N, C-alpha and C. Protein backbone atom coordinates (compact mmCIF):
# COMPACT_ATOMS: atom_id res chain seq x y z
N MET A 1 5.72 -17.04 -52.50
CA MET A 1 7.05 -17.57 -52.27
C MET A 1 7.28 -17.68 -50.76
N SER A 2 7.86 -18.78 -50.34
CA SER A 2 8.13 -18.99 -48.93
C SER A 2 9.26 -18.07 -48.46
N GLU A 3 9.37 -17.93 -47.14
CA GLU A 3 10.46 -17.10 -46.59
C GLU A 3 11.81 -17.63 -47.06
N LEU A 4 11.99 -18.94 -46.98
CA LEU A 4 13.28 -19.52 -47.38
C LEU A 4 13.54 -19.30 -48.87
N GLY A 5 12.53 -19.44 -49.68
CA GLY A 5 12.68 -19.19 -51.11
C GLY A 5 13.05 -17.74 -51.39
N ARG A 6 12.44 -16.83 -50.66
CA ARG A 6 12.74 -15.40 -50.81
C ARG A 6 14.18 -15.11 -50.40
N VAL A 7 14.60 -15.72 -49.29
CA VAL A 7 15.99 -15.52 -48.82
C VAL A 7 16.97 -16.09 -49.83
N ARG A 8 16.68 -17.26 -50.37
CA ARG A 8 17.57 -17.85 -51.38
C ARG A 8 17.69 -16.92 -52.59
N TRP A 9 16.57 -16.34 -52.99
CA TRP A 9 16.58 -15.42 -54.12
C TRP A 9 17.45 -14.19 -53.81
N GLN A 10 17.33 -13.65 -52.59
CA GLN A 10 18.11 -12.47 -52.19
C GLN A 10 19.60 -12.78 -52.11
N CYS A 11 19.95 -14.05 -51.93
CA CYS A 11 21.35 -14.44 -51.81
C CYS A 11 22.04 -14.54 -53.17
N ARG A 12 21.29 -14.45 -54.25
CA ARG A 12 21.89 -14.46 -55.58
C ARG A 12 22.63 -13.15 -55.78
N ARG A 13 23.91 -13.23 -55.98
CA ARG A 13 24.75 -12.04 -56.07
C ARG A 13 25.50 -12.01 -57.39
N GLY A 14 26.26 -10.95 -57.58
CA GLY A 14 27.04 -10.81 -58.79
C GLY A 14 28.39 -11.51 -58.73
N MET A 15 28.71 -12.09 -57.58
CA MET A 15 29.99 -12.79 -57.41
C MET A 15 29.72 -14.24 -57.03
N LEU A 16 30.36 -15.14 -57.75
CA LEU A 16 30.18 -16.56 -57.48
C LEU A 16 30.55 -16.90 -56.04
N GLU A 17 31.63 -16.29 -55.53
CA GLU A 17 32.07 -16.57 -54.15
C GLU A 17 30.96 -16.27 -53.15
N LEU A 18 30.30 -15.13 -53.35
CA LEU A 18 29.20 -14.76 -52.45
C LEU A 18 28.03 -15.72 -52.60
N ASP A 19 27.70 -16.07 -53.84
CA ASP A 19 26.61 -17.02 -54.05
C ASP A 19 26.86 -18.30 -53.27
N LEU A 20 28.06 -18.81 -53.37
CA LEU A 20 28.38 -20.07 -52.70
C LEU A 20 28.35 -19.94 -51.18
N LEU A 21 28.97 -18.89 -50.66
CA LEU A 21 28.99 -18.68 -49.20
C LEU A 21 27.58 -18.53 -48.64
N LEU A 22 26.79 -17.69 -49.29
CA LEU A 22 25.45 -17.41 -48.77
C LEU A 22 24.52 -18.61 -48.95
N ARG A 23 24.59 -19.28 -50.09
CA ARG A 23 23.73 -20.45 -50.32
C ARG A 23 24.04 -21.55 -49.31
N ARG A 24 25.33 -21.76 -49.06
CA ARG A 24 25.73 -22.79 -48.08
C ARG A 24 25.17 -22.44 -46.70
N PHE A 25 25.25 -21.17 -46.33
CA PHE A 25 24.73 -20.77 -45.03
C PHE A 25 23.21 -20.95 -44.96
N VAL A 26 22.51 -20.55 -46.00
CA VAL A 26 21.05 -20.69 -45.98
C VAL A 26 20.68 -22.16 -45.83
N ASP A 27 21.40 -23.05 -46.50
CA ASP A 27 21.12 -24.48 -46.42
C ASP A 27 21.49 -25.07 -45.06
N ARG A 28 22.53 -24.54 -44.42
CA ARG A 28 23.06 -25.16 -43.20
C ARG A 28 22.71 -24.44 -41.90
N GLY A 29 22.46 -23.14 -41.94
CA GLY A 29 22.34 -22.44 -40.67
C GLY A 29 21.23 -21.42 -40.55
N TYR A 30 20.62 -21.03 -41.66
CA TYR A 30 19.61 -19.98 -41.60
C TYR A 30 18.46 -20.36 -40.68
N HIS A 31 18.03 -21.61 -40.73
CA HIS A 31 16.88 -22.05 -39.93
C HIS A 31 17.15 -21.93 -38.42
N ASP A 32 18.40 -21.84 -38.01
CA ASP A 32 18.73 -21.73 -36.58
C ASP A 32 18.77 -20.28 -36.09
N LEU A 33 18.63 -19.32 -36.99
CA LEU A 33 18.69 -17.91 -36.59
C LEU A 33 17.41 -17.48 -35.87
N SER A 34 17.58 -16.61 -34.89
CA SER A 34 16.43 -15.99 -34.22
C SER A 34 15.81 -14.98 -35.17
N SER A 35 14.66 -14.45 -34.83
CA SER A 35 14.03 -13.45 -35.69
C SER A 35 14.90 -12.19 -35.78
N GLU A 36 15.57 -11.81 -34.69
CA GLU A 36 16.48 -10.66 -34.72
C GLU A 36 17.64 -10.93 -35.68
N GLU A 37 18.19 -12.13 -35.60
CA GLU A 37 19.31 -12.49 -36.47
C GLU A 37 18.87 -12.56 -37.93
N ARG A 38 17.66 -13.02 -38.17
CA ARG A 38 17.15 -13.05 -39.55
C ARG A 38 17.02 -11.63 -40.09
N GLY A 39 16.61 -10.70 -39.23
CA GLY A 39 16.55 -9.30 -39.64
C GLY A 39 17.94 -8.77 -39.96
N ALA A 40 18.93 -9.14 -39.13
CA ALA A 40 20.31 -8.72 -39.39
C ALA A 40 20.83 -9.32 -40.68
N PHE A 41 20.49 -10.57 -40.95
CA PHE A 41 20.90 -11.22 -42.19
C PHE A 41 20.29 -10.49 -43.39
N SER A 42 19.05 -10.11 -43.28
CA SER A 42 18.38 -9.37 -44.34
C SER A 42 19.08 -8.02 -44.58
N ARG A 43 19.44 -7.34 -43.52
CA ARG A 43 20.16 -6.06 -43.65
C ARG A 43 21.54 -6.28 -44.28
N LEU A 44 22.17 -7.37 -43.91
CA LEU A 44 23.48 -7.70 -44.46
C LEU A 44 23.39 -7.88 -45.98
N LEU A 45 22.31 -8.47 -46.44
CA LEU A 45 22.13 -8.69 -47.87
C LEU A 45 21.93 -7.39 -48.65
N ASP A 46 21.64 -6.31 -47.94
CA ASP A 46 21.51 -5.00 -48.59
C ASP A 46 22.87 -4.36 -48.88
N TYR A 47 23.94 -4.91 -48.31
CA TYR A 47 25.27 -4.35 -48.51
C TYR A 47 25.71 -4.60 -49.95
N PRO A 48 26.54 -3.71 -50.49
CA PRO A 48 27.13 -3.97 -51.82
C PRO A 48 27.99 -5.23 -51.78
N ASP A 49 28.09 -5.91 -52.92
CA ASP A 49 28.83 -7.17 -52.99
C ASP A 49 30.26 -7.04 -52.45
N ASP A 50 30.96 -5.98 -52.83
CA ASP A 50 32.35 -5.83 -52.39
C ASP A 50 32.44 -5.76 -50.87
N THR A 51 31.57 -4.98 -50.26
CA THR A 51 31.56 -4.84 -48.80
C THR A 51 31.20 -6.16 -48.14
N LEU A 52 30.18 -6.80 -48.68
CA LEU A 52 29.74 -8.08 -48.12
C LEU A 52 30.87 -9.11 -48.16
N LEU A 53 31.57 -9.19 -49.28
CA LEU A 53 32.67 -10.14 -49.38
C LEU A 53 33.78 -9.81 -48.38
N GLU A 54 34.12 -8.54 -48.24
CA GLU A 54 35.14 -8.14 -47.27
C GLU A 54 34.74 -8.54 -45.85
N LEU A 55 33.48 -8.35 -45.51
CA LEU A 55 32.99 -8.74 -44.18
C LEU A 55 33.07 -10.25 -43.98
N LEU A 56 32.62 -11.01 -44.96
CA LEU A 56 32.59 -12.47 -44.84
C LEU A 56 33.99 -13.08 -44.86
N MET A 57 34.92 -12.40 -45.50
CA MET A 57 36.30 -12.89 -45.53
C MET A 57 37.10 -12.46 -44.31
N GLY A 58 36.50 -11.62 -43.46
CA GLY A 58 37.17 -11.18 -42.25
C GLY A 58 38.14 -10.03 -42.47
N ARG A 59 38.08 -9.40 -43.62
CA ARG A 59 38.96 -8.27 -43.91
C ARG A 59 38.37 -6.95 -43.44
N MET A 60 37.09 -6.97 -43.08
CA MET A 60 36.38 -5.84 -42.48
C MET A 60 35.55 -6.39 -41.33
N THR A 61 35.20 -5.51 -40.39
CA THR A 61 34.30 -5.91 -39.31
C THR A 61 33.13 -4.95 -39.25
N SER A 62 32.02 -5.45 -38.80
CA SER A 62 30.83 -4.63 -38.64
C SER A 62 30.77 -4.10 -37.21
N THR A 63 30.34 -2.86 -37.08
CA THR A 63 30.19 -2.28 -35.75
C THR A 63 28.82 -2.60 -35.17
N GLU A 64 27.94 -3.16 -35.99
CA GLU A 64 26.61 -3.54 -35.50
C GLU A 64 26.68 -4.97 -34.97
N GLY A 65 26.42 -5.13 -33.69
CA GLY A 65 26.57 -6.42 -33.03
C GLY A 65 25.80 -7.55 -33.67
N ALA A 66 24.55 -7.32 -34.03
CA ALA A 66 23.72 -8.38 -34.61
C ALA A 66 24.29 -8.83 -35.96
N ILE A 67 24.74 -7.88 -36.75
CA ILE A 67 25.32 -8.24 -38.05
C ILE A 67 26.64 -8.96 -37.86
N ALA A 68 27.46 -8.50 -36.95
CA ALA A 68 28.73 -9.18 -36.67
C ALA A 68 28.49 -10.62 -36.23
N SER A 69 27.47 -10.84 -35.43
CA SER A 69 27.13 -12.19 -34.97
C SER A 69 26.71 -13.08 -36.14
N VAL A 70 25.89 -12.55 -37.02
CA VAL A 70 25.44 -13.33 -38.18
C VAL A 70 26.63 -13.63 -39.10
N ILE A 71 27.51 -12.68 -39.27
CA ILE A 71 28.70 -12.91 -40.10
C ILE A 71 29.50 -14.07 -39.53
N GLU A 72 29.67 -14.11 -38.23
CA GLU A 72 30.41 -15.22 -37.61
C GLU A 72 29.70 -16.55 -37.86
N LYS A 73 28.39 -16.56 -37.82
CA LYS A 73 27.63 -17.80 -38.07
C LYS A 73 27.77 -18.22 -39.52
N ILE A 74 27.77 -17.27 -40.43
CA ILE A 74 27.97 -17.59 -41.85
C ILE A 74 29.35 -18.20 -42.05
N ARG A 75 30.34 -17.58 -41.45
CA ARG A 75 31.71 -18.08 -41.59
C ARG A 75 31.85 -19.48 -40.96
N ALA A 76 31.22 -19.69 -39.83
CA ALA A 76 31.29 -21.00 -39.16
C ALA A 76 30.60 -22.09 -40.00
N ALA A 77 29.54 -21.73 -40.69
CA ALA A 77 28.81 -22.71 -41.51
C ALA A 77 29.66 -23.24 -42.65
N GLN A 78 30.67 -22.50 -43.04
CA GLN A 78 31.52 -22.93 -44.16
C GLN A 78 32.41 -24.10 -43.75
N HIS A 79 32.58 -24.28 -42.45
CA HIS A 79 33.50 -25.31 -41.96
C HIS A 79 32.80 -26.57 -41.51
N HIS A 80 31.46 -26.57 -41.55
CA HIS A 80 30.70 -27.74 -41.12
C HIS A 80 30.03 -28.38 -42.33
N ALA A 81 30.21 -29.65 -42.45
CA ALA A 81 29.61 -30.37 -43.59
C ALA A 81 28.16 -30.70 -43.35
């Protein structure tokens, strides 16, 4: 399985909202991430669904700079067609 295929598989979540947010980001912005940011994205996917949704909705913030940066990129990807 390719890296992108593996990432798409990891983005499958128990919440439709997360599936849509993460899939859109993988399609629109994942390829632009640095290797450090890809590592942060992978760590982000280890979070429980509830926490991940709170972070992506801006109701929580991460104290880890790399993860906070990736969250901002995910959120920004939602506004670009």
